C-alpha cells in the first residue's frame, strides 16, 4: 500500500480577475489623478534615460529621453487647461528641468525651439 494519495482531478484553474470590479475602480479615479500619474511616470523614465538616477551613465539613452520628454510636453500642454494650474504648474516645472538637463547632456545641443518637447512649449533657455 502506498501512502501517496492519487490526484483524481487536476487542480482548479486560478480564478479569473474580476474585470467588472477593476473597471469600476478605474472609473472612480479622477482624470486629474490619471493625468498627473502618467506625467510623473514619463518624468521618472526621462530622468533615468538622461542619466540622472543612481548609476546614471549605465542607463543613459538620449534618444529615449527625447521621446519621453516630447510625450510629456504634449501631455502637459494638452492637459494643462483640464487639470488647473495647481496641478499643471509643478508638471511644467519638472518638464522644463528635464528639457534643460537634456540640453546639458547633449554633446551637440539642439537649436532653440528644436529640443525635445519644444514644439509644444516653445524654446527653453537656461
N, C-alpha and C. Protein backbone atom coordinates (compact mmCIF):
# COMPACT_ATOMS: atom_id res chain seq x y z
N UNK A 1 0.84 -1.17 0.00
CA UNK A 1 0.00 0.00 0.00
C UNK A 1 0.87 1.22 0.00
N UNK A 2 0.41 2.21 -0.69
CA UNK A 2 1.17 3.44 -0.80
C UNK A 2 0.53 4.51 0.07
N UNK A 3 1.39 5.34 0.66
CA UNK A 3 0.89 6.46 1.46
C UNK A 3 0.43 7.62 0.59
N UNK A 4 0.88 7.65 -0.66
CA UNK A 4 0.54 8.75 -1.56
C UNK A 4 -0.90 8.63 -2.00
N UNK A 5 -1.58 9.74 -2.01
CA UNK A 5 -2.96 9.78 -2.47
C UNK A 5 -2.98 10.26 -3.91
N UNK A 6 -3.50 9.47 -4.82
CA UNK A 6 -3.51 9.91 -6.21
C UNK A 6 -4.48 11.06 -6.41
N UNK A 7 -4.07 11.97 -7.27
CA UNK A 7 -4.97 13.09 -7.58
C UNK A 7 -5.97 12.63 -8.60
N UNK A 8 -7.22 12.81 -8.29
CA UNK A 8 -8.25 12.36 -9.21
C UNK A 8 -8.58 13.42 -10.24
N UNK A 9 -8.39 14.69 -9.90
CA UNK A 9 -8.65 15.77 -10.87
C UNK A 9 -7.50 16.75 -10.82
N UNK A 10 -7.22 17.37 -11.96
CA UNK A 10 -6.17 18.40 -11.92
C UNK A 10 -6.62 19.56 -11.04
N UNK A 11 -5.65 20.28 -10.53
CA UNK A 11 -6.01 21.39 -9.65
C UNK A 11 -6.86 22.40 -10.40
N UNK A 12 -7.72 23.05 -9.69
CA UNK A 12 -8.64 24.02 -10.30
C UNK A 12 -7.83 25.19 -10.86
N UNK A 13 -8.24 25.69 -12.02
CA UNK A 13 -7.51 26.82 -12.60
C UNK A 13 -7.63 28.05 -11.69
N UNK A 14 -6.61 28.88 -11.76
CA UNK A 14 -6.64 30.11 -10.96
C UNK A 14 -7.86 30.91 -11.32
N UNK A 15 -8.42 31.54 -10.33
CA UNK A 15 -9.64 32.31 -10.56
C UNK A 15 -9.34 33.50 -11.46
N UNK A 16 -10.19 33.73 -12.43
CA UNK A 16 -10.02 34.84 -13.38
C UNK A 16 -10.21 36.17 -12.66
N UNK A 17 -9.48 37.19 -13.09
CA UNK A 17 -9.65 38.51 -12.46
C UNK A 17 -11.07 39.03 -12.66
N UNK A 18 -11.53 39.77 -11.71
CA UNK A 18 -12.87 40.36 -11.76
C UNK A 18 -12.80 41.68 -12.53
N UNK A 19 -12.96 41.60 -13.86
CA UNK A 19 -12.82 42.78 -14.70
C UNK A 19 -13.91 43.82 -14.43
N UNK A 20 -15.08 43.38 -14.03
CA UNK A 20 -16.14 44.34 -13.70
C UNK A 20 -15.72 45.21 -12.52
N UNK A 21 -15.14 44.57 -11.52
CA UNK A 21 -14.68 45.32 -10.35
C UNK A 21 -13.53 46.26 -10.72
N UNK A 22 -12.59 45.77 -11.55
CA UNK A 22 -11.47 46.59 -11.95
C UNK A 22 -11.95 47.80 -12.76
N UNK A 23 -12.93 47.61 -13.61
CA UNK A 23 -13.46 48.70 -14.42
C UNK A 23 -14.10 49.75 -13.52
N UNK A 24 -14.84 49.32 -12.54
CA UNK A 24 -15.45 50.27 -11.61
C UNK A 24 -14.37 51.03 -10.85
N UNK A 25 -13.30 50.35 -10.48
CA UNK A 25 -12.24 51.01 -9.73
C UNK A 25 -11.60 52.13 -10.55
N UNK A 26 -11.26 51.88 -11.80
CA UNK A 26 -10.61 52.91 -12.61
C UNK A 26 -11.60 54.04 -12.93
N UNK A 27 -12.87 53.72 -12.98
CA UNK A 27 -13.88 54.76 -13.23
C UNK A 27 -13.98 55.73 -12.06
N UNK A 28 -13.58 55.28 -10.88
CA UNK A 28 -13.64 56.13 -9.69
C UNK A 28 -12.43 57.05 -9.55
N UNK A 29 -11.41 56.84 -10.36
CA UNK A 29 -10.19 57.65 -10.27
C UNK A 29 -10.41 58.94 -11.06
N UNK A 30 -10.23 60.09 -10.42
CA UNK A 30 -10.42 61.36 -11.13
C UNK A 30 -9.40 61.52 -12.27
N UNK A 31 -9.82 62.16 -13.35
CA UNK A 31 -8.96 62.36 -14.51
C UNK A 31 -7.67 63.07 -14.15
N UNK A 32 -7.74 64.04 -13.25
CA UNK A 32 -6.54 64.78 -12.87
C UNK A 32 -5.50 63.84 -12.26
N UNK A 33 -5.94 62.85 -11.53
CA UNK A 33 -5.02 61.89 -10.93
C UNK A 33 -4.39 60.99 -11.99
N UNK A 34 -5.18 60.56 -12.95
CA UNK A 34 -4.64 59.72 -14.03
C UNK A 34 -3.61 60.51 -14.83
N UNK A 35 -3.94 61.75 -15.19
CA UNK A 35 -3.03 62.58 -15.99
C UNK A 35 -1.74 62.85 -15.24
N UNK A 36 -1.83 63.23 -13.98
CA UNK A 36 -0.61 63.54 -13.23
C UNK A 36 0.22 62.28 -12.98
N UNK A 37 -0.42 61.15 -12.78
CA UNK A 37 0.32 59.91 -12.58
C UNK A 37 1.10 59.53 -13.84
N UNK A 38 0.46 59.63 -14.98
CA UNK A 38 1.15 59.34 -16.24
C UNK A 38 2.31 60.31 -16.44
N UNK A 39 2.08 61.58 -16.14
CA UNK A 39 3.14 62.59 -16.29
C UNK A 39 4.34 62.27 -15.40
N UNK A 40 4.07 61.86 -14.17
CA UNK A 40 5.16 61.53 -13.25
C UNK A 40 5.94 60.31 -13.75
N UNK A 41 5.25 59.34 -14.31
CA UNK A 41 5.93 58.17 -14.87
C UNK A 41 6.82 58.58 -16.05
N UNK A 42 6.31 59.45 -16.91
CA UNK A 42 7.12 59.94 -18.04
C UNK A 42 8.33 60.71 -17.53
N UNK A 43 8.13 61.56 -16.52
CA UNK A 43 9.24 62.32 -15.95
C UNK A 43 10.31 61.40 -15.37
N UNK A 44 9.88 60.41 -14.62
CA UNK A 44 10.82 59.49 -13.98
C UNK A 44 11.63 58.72 -15.01
N UNK A 45 10.95 58.23 -16.02
CA UNK A 45 11.64 57.48 -17.07
C UNK A 45 12.61 58.37 -17.84
N UNK A 46 12.19 59.59 -18.14
CA UNK A 46 13.06 60.53 -18.85
C UNK A 46 14.29 60.84 -18.00
N UNK A 47 14.12 61.04 -16.72
CA UNK A 47 15.24 61.34 -15.84
C UNK A 47 16.25 60.19 -15.83
N UNK A 48 15.76 58.96 -15.77
CA UNK A 48 16.65 57.80 -15.80
C UNK A 48 17.41 57.77 -17.12
N UNK A 49 16.70 58.02 -18.23
CA UNK A 49 17.34 57.98 -19.54
C UNK A 49 18.27 59.16 -19.78
N UNK A 50 18.15 60.19 -18.97
CA UNK A 50 19.10 61.31 -19.04
C UNK A 50 20.34 61.04 -18.20
N UNK A 51 20.33 59.93 -17.47
CA UNK A 51 21.46 59.60 -16.63
C UNK A 51 21.41 60.26 -15.27
N UNK A 52 20.23 60.68 -14.82
CA UNK A 52 20.10 61.39 -13.56
C UNK A 52 19.84 60.48 -12.36
N UNK A 53 19.72 59.19 -12.59
CA UNK A 53 19.49 58.24 -11.50
C UNK A 53 20.83 57.70 -11.00
N UNK A 54 20.78 56.91 -9.93
CA UNK A 54 21.99 56.25 -9.47
C UNK A 54 22.54 55.41 -10.61
N UNK A 55 23.84 55.33 -10.71
CA UNK A 55 24.50 54.63 -11.81
C UNK A 55 23.96 55.14 -13.14
N UNK A 56 23.80 56.45 -13.22
CA UNK A 56 23.15 57.09 -14.35
C UNK A 56 23.73 56.79 -15.70
N UNK A 57 25.03 56.78 -15.82
CA UNK A 57 25.65 56.56 -17.11
C UNK A 57 25.29 55.20 -17.70
N UNK A 58 25.03 54.22 -16.84
CA UNK A 58 24.69 52.88 -17.31
C UNK A 58 23.33 52.86 -18.00
N UNK A 59 22.46 53.81 -17.66
CA UNK A 59 21.10 53.83 -18.20
C UNK A 59 20.88 54.99 -19.17
N UNK A 60 21.90 55.74 -19.44
CA UNK A 60 21.76 56.95 -20.25
C UNK A 60 21.44 56.59 -21.71
N UNK A 61 20.35 57.16 -22.21
CA UNK A 61 19.93 56.96 -23.60
C UNK A 61 19.17 58.21 -24.02
N UNK A 62 19.88 59.14 -24.66
CA UNK A 62 19.27 60.43 -25.00
C UNK A 62 18.17 60.30 -26.04
N UNK A 63 18.25 59.30 -26.91
CA UNK A 63 17.18 59.11 -27.90
C UNK A 63 15.87 58.76 -27.20
N UNK A 64 15.95 57.87 -26.23
CA UNK A 64 14.75 57.51 -25.45
C UNK A 64 14.28 58.70 -24.61
N UNK A 65 15.20 59.42 -24.02
CA UNK A 65 14.84 60.58 -23.21
C UNK A 65 14.11 61.61 -24.06
N UNK A 66 14.58 61.84 -25.28
CA UNK A 66 13.93 62.80 -26.19
C UNK A 66 12.46 62.42 -26.41
N UNK A 67 12.22 61.15 -26.69
CA UNK A 67 10.85 60.69 -26.94
C UNK A 67 9.96 60.89 -25.71
N UNK A 68 10.49 60.54 -24.55
CA UNK A 68 9.71 60.67 -23.32
C UNK A 68 9.42 62.13 -22.99
N UNK A 69 10.41 63.00 -23.17
CA UNK A 69 10.21 64.42 -22.87
C UNK A 69 9.20 65.03 -23.85
N UNK A 70 9.26 64.64 -25.11
CA UNK A 70 8.31 65.15 -26.08
C UNK A 70 6.89 64.69 -25.74
N UNK A 71 6.74 63.43 -25.36
CA UNK A 71 5.42 62.92 -24.96
C UNK A 71 4.92 63.65 -23.71
N UNK A 72 5.81 63.88 -22.77
CA UNK A 72 5.44 64.62 -21.56
C UNK A 72 5.00 66.04 -21.90
N UNK A 73 5.73 66.70 -22.78
CA UNK A 73 5.38 68.07 -23.17
C UNK A 73 4.00 68.11 -23.81
N UNK A 74 3.72 67.14 -24.66
CA UNK A 74 2.40 67.08 -25.29
C UNK A 74 1.30 66.87 -24.27
N UNK A 75 1.52 65.97 -23.33
CA UNK A 75 0.53 65.69 -22.29
C UNK A 75 0.30 66.91 -21.41
N UNK A 76 1.39 67.52 -20.96
CA UNK A 76 1.26 68.68 -20.06
C UNK A 76 0.60 69.84 -20.78
N UNK A 77 1.00 70.09 -22.01
CA UNK A 77 0.43 71.20 -22.76
C UNK A 77 -1.06 70.98 -23.03
N UNK A 78 -1.41 69.79 -23.46
CA UNK A 78 -2.81 69.49 -23.77
C UNK A 78 -3.66 69.39 -22.51
N UNK A 79 -3.10 68.86 -21.44
CA UNK A 79 -3.88 68.64 -20.23
C UNK A 79 -3.93 69.80 -19.27
N UNK A 80 -3.09 70.80 -19.47
CA UNK A 80 -3.00 71.90 -18.50
C UNK A 80 -4.34 72.58 -18.27
N UNK A 81 -5.08 72.82 -19.31
CA UNK A 81 -6.37 73.50 -19.13
C UNK A 81 -7.40 72.61 -18.43
N UNK A 82 -7.17 71.31 -18.48
CA UNK A 82 -8.12 70.38 -17.87
C UNK A 82 -7.82 70.10 -16.40
N UNK A 83 -6.56 70.28 -15.99
CA UNK A 83 -6.19 69.88 -14.63
C UNK A 83 -5.89 71.07 -13.72
N UNK A 84 -6.02 72.26 -14.20
CA UNK A 84 -5.82 73.50 -13.45
C UNK A 84 -4.34 73.80 -13.22
N UNK A 85 -4.05 75.06 -12.99
CA UNK A 85 -2.67 75.48 -12.76
C UNK A 85 -2.08 74.89 -11.48
N UNK A 86 -2.92 74.58 -10.52
CA UNK A 86 -2.45 73.99 -9.28
C UNK A 86 -1.69 72.69 -9.55
N UNK A 87 -2.20 71.89 -10.47
CA UNK A 87 -1.56 70.62 -10.82
C UNK A 87 -0.58 70.79 -11.99
N UNK A 88 -0.91 71.66 -12.93
CA UNK A 88 -0.09 71.81 -14.14
C UNK A 88 1.23 72.53 -13.84
N UNK A 89 1.24 73.46 -12.91
CA UNK A 89 2.45 74.23 -12.61
C UNK A 89 3.65 73.36 -12.26
N UNK A 90 3.53 72.46 -11.29
CA UNK A 90 4.66 71.60 -10.96
C UNK A 90 5.07 70.69 -12.12
N UNK A 91 4.10 70.25 -12.92
CA UNK A 91 4.43 69.42 -14.08
C UNK A 91 5.23 70.22 -15.11
N UNK A 92 4.84 71.48 -15.32
CA UNK A 92 5.59 72.35 -16.24
C UNK A 92 7.01 72.57 -15.73
N UNK A 93 7.16 72.78 -14.42
CA UNK A 93 8.48 72.98 -13.84
C UNK A 93 9.36 71.74 -14.04
N UNK A 94 8.80 70.58 -13.79
CA UNK A 94 9.55 69.34 -13.99
C UNK A 94 9.93 69.13 -15.44
N UNK A 95 9.00 69.44 -16.33
CA UNK A 95 9.26 69.33 -17.76
C UNK A 95 10.41 70.25 -18.16
N UNK A 96 10.36 71.47 -17.71
CA UNK A 96 11.42 72.44 -18.05
C UNK A 96 12.77 71.97 -17.53
N UNK A 97 12.79 71.42 -16.32
CA UNK A 97 14.04 70.90 -15.75
C UNK A 97 14.60 69.77 -16.60
N UNK A 98 13.72 68.89 -17.08
CA UNK A 98 14.17 67.80 -17.93
C UNK A 98 14.68 68.32 -19.27
N UNK A 99 14.00 69.32 -19.82
CA UNK A 99 14.44 69.90 -21.09
C UNK A 99 15.83 70.53 -20.94
N UNK A 100 16.05 71.22 -19.84
CA UNK A 100 17.36 71.82 -19.60
C UNK A 100 18.43 70.75 -19.36
N UNK A 101 18.07 69.70 -18.64
CA UNK A 101 19.01 68.60 -18.40
C UNK A 101 19.37 67.91 -19.70
N UNK A 102 18.40 67.79 -20.60
CA UNK A 102 18.68 67.20 -21.91
C UNK A 102 19.67 68.07 -22.67
N UNK A 103 19.44 69.37 -22.64
CA UNK A 103 20.33 70.30 -23.34
C UNK A 103 21.76 70.18 -22.80
N UNK A 104 21.90 70.07 -21.49
CA UNK A 104 23.22 69.94 -20.87
C UNK A 104 23.87 68.60 -21.20
N UNK A 105 23.07 67.54 -21.30
CA UNK A 105 23.61 66.20 -21.56
C UNK A 105 24.00 65.99 -23.02
N UNK A 106 23.46 66.81 -23.90
CA UNK A 106 23.72 66.64 -25.33
C UNK A 106 25.10 67.15 -25.69
N UNK A 107 25.82 66.36 -26.47
CA UNK A 107 27.14 66.77 -26.94
C UNK A 107 26.99 67.93 -27.92
N UNK A 108 26.00 67.82 -28.79
CA UNK A 108 25.69 68.88 -29.76
C UNK A 108 24.26 69.34 -29.45
N UNK A 109 24.12 70.45 -28.73
CA UNK A 109 22.78 70.90 -28.34
C UNK A 109 21.91 71.25 -29.55
N UNK A 110 20.62 71.03 -29.38
CA UNK A 110 19.65 71.39 -30.41
C UNK A 110 19.55 72.91 -30.51
N UNK A 111 19.14 73.38 -31.67
CA UNK A 111 18.86 74.80 -31.84
C UNK A 111 17.68 75.16 -30.94
N UNK A 112 17.61 76.40 -30.44
CA UNK A 112 16.46 76.81 -29.63
C UNK A 112 15.15 76.54 -30.39
N UNK A 113 14.23 75.91 -29.70
CA UNK A 113 12.94 75.55 -30.29
C UNK A 113 12.93 74.18 -30.93
N UNK A 114 14.10 73.53 -31.03
CA UNK A 114 14.19 72.21 -31.67
C UNK A 114 14.45 71.09 -30.67
N UNK A 115 14.58 71.42 -29.40
CA UNK A 115 14.83 70.41 -28.38
C UNK A 115 13.59 69.58 -28.12
N UNK A 116 13.73 68.55 -27.29
CA UNK A 116 12.59 67.69 -27.02
C UNK A 116 11.42 68.45 -26.38
N UNK A 117 10.27 68.31 -26.99
CA UNK A 117 9.06 68.94 -26.47
C UNK A 117 8.91 70.41 -26.75
N UNK A 118 9.93 71.03 -27.34
CA UNK A 118 9.89 72.48 -27.53
C UNK A 118 8.89 72.90 -28.61
N UNK A 119 8.45 71.97 -29.44
CA UNK A 119 7.40 72.33 -30.40
C UNK A 119 6.08 72.56 -29.66
N UNK A 120 5.97 72.04 -28.45
CA UNK A 120 4.78 72.25 -27.63
C UNK A 120 4.95 73.38 -26.62
N UNK A 121 6.17 73.54 -26.10
CA UNK A 121 6.40 74.52 -25.03
C UNK A 121 7.06 75.79 -25.47
N UNK A 122 7.63 75.79 -26.66
CA UNK A 122 8.45 76.92 -27.09
C UNK A 122 9.87 76.69 -26.63
N UNK A 123 10.80 77.54 -27.07
CA UNK A 123 12.21 77.35 -26.71
C UNK A 123 12.44 77.43 -25.20
N UNK A 124 13.37 76.62 -24.73
CA UNK A 124 13.72 76.58 -23.32
C UNK A 124 15.16 77.06 -23.19
N UNK A 125 15.37 78.07 -22.38
CA UNK A 125 16.71 78.62 -22.16
C UNK A 125 17.08 78.47 -20.70
N UNK A 126 18.37 78.27 -20.45
CA UNK A 126 18.87 78.10 -19.07
C UNK A 126 19.00 79.35 -18.39
